[in-house]
Amino acid sequence: MERRKVIDSMTDTPSGAKGSAPLGSRSDVTQKDLQQLQEQIEVLQLRIRNLESHSLELSFKSRIKFQERLGREEFFYKAFRALSFNQIDGDYVEFGSHGGTTFSLAYHQTVLHRHKAKLWAFDSFQGFPDQRDTEDEHPKWIKGKMSTSLEDFHRICAEAGVPKDSYTVVPGFYSDVLPTLAKEDSPNNIALAYIDCDLYSSTQDVLTFLWPRLKHGMILAFDDYYCWSDTQASGERIAMLEAFGESDEWELVPYLQFGWHGLAFVLQDKALNPTGLKPNF
C-alpha cells in the first residue's frame, strides 16, 4: 500500500495546473514551418540522389580502371615469363608512359621473372602533340591531353617501388627526339617494346626508330591496336601494317590480346619459316 501511495503522489497533477497537451496536438507548429521542413527534406533527398549518382559514376570508372590495369598486369606476367623461358634478353622500352602504371607493372614483372631488362621511358611529358595526319584523328586524342609531368613520373615510380637507377627517361616528342638520339644514349638490344603512343604519326616515328633494332623473338605490344573512331581505323594498326606488310625480313606472329584495347606480337625472322606457312587462326 505504501508503494502505491508513492506512485500515486508522483503522478498527481498539482491543483490548478493544466495537464500537458497530448503529443501532436500542439499548435505552435505552423503551416509555414511544415512547408519549410518539407522543402528542406526535398533538398536533402536531391543531394542524396546526386551523391548516389556520383558514387555510381566513380564506382564505374574505378571498375574500368581496375579491369584495364588487371589486363595489362596479366600481359606483362605472360610476356616476361615467355621472354625468360625462351631466353630472349634485352631491354624494356615504353613509348607513352602517362600515369606510370604500365611502366611500374613492367618493372615488377622483370623482377618476378628475373629478367635483366633495363627500362626506358619515352614520353613528351606534355601530353599529345598536334595531329599531323588524317589518320591521327580520334575524339580522345586531343593535344595536351594525357599529360604526366616528368617530376610526377619520377614520383609515381618511387611510390610504386621502381628504383631510379633501374630506368632511363627520354623526354620529348618522338618526331624531335628519336631521329637525333645517339646510339650510345638509346636501347640497342630490346626484348619488349610497348607502344602506347595512340597516334598514327607517332607510331610511325616509333617504328622507324625501332626498325634497325628489331630482332627475332622480341615482343611488340600495341596498346591502342583496337582504338578506332567512326571516321578512322586504328592509327597504331595502320602504321604497323604499313611497316611490316611488305617486309621481306620480318613477320608478326599474333601473341596476346590484353584488355579490350591492345594486341601483342612476337617478331619472327621470315628466314626461319621458309615455307611461308601460317596458322589458320
Foldseek 3Di string as FASTA:
>chain_A
DVVVVVVVVVPDDDPPDDDDDPPPPDDPCDPVNVVVVVVVVVVVVVVVVVVVVVVVVVVVVVVLVVQQLVLLLVVLLVLLLQCLVVVQAEAEEEEQCQPVSSVLSNVVSCVVSVHLHAYEYEEQLQAADDADDPQQDDPVRDGRPSHHHPVRNVVSCVVSPNDPVRYYYDHRQLVPGLVPDDPVRDTQRHQEYEYENQGLVSLLSVCVSCVVSDDAFHKYKYQAQCRAHPVHHRSNVVSVCVVPVPDPFWDWAWDDATDPGMTMTGIHGCVVVVVPDDDPD
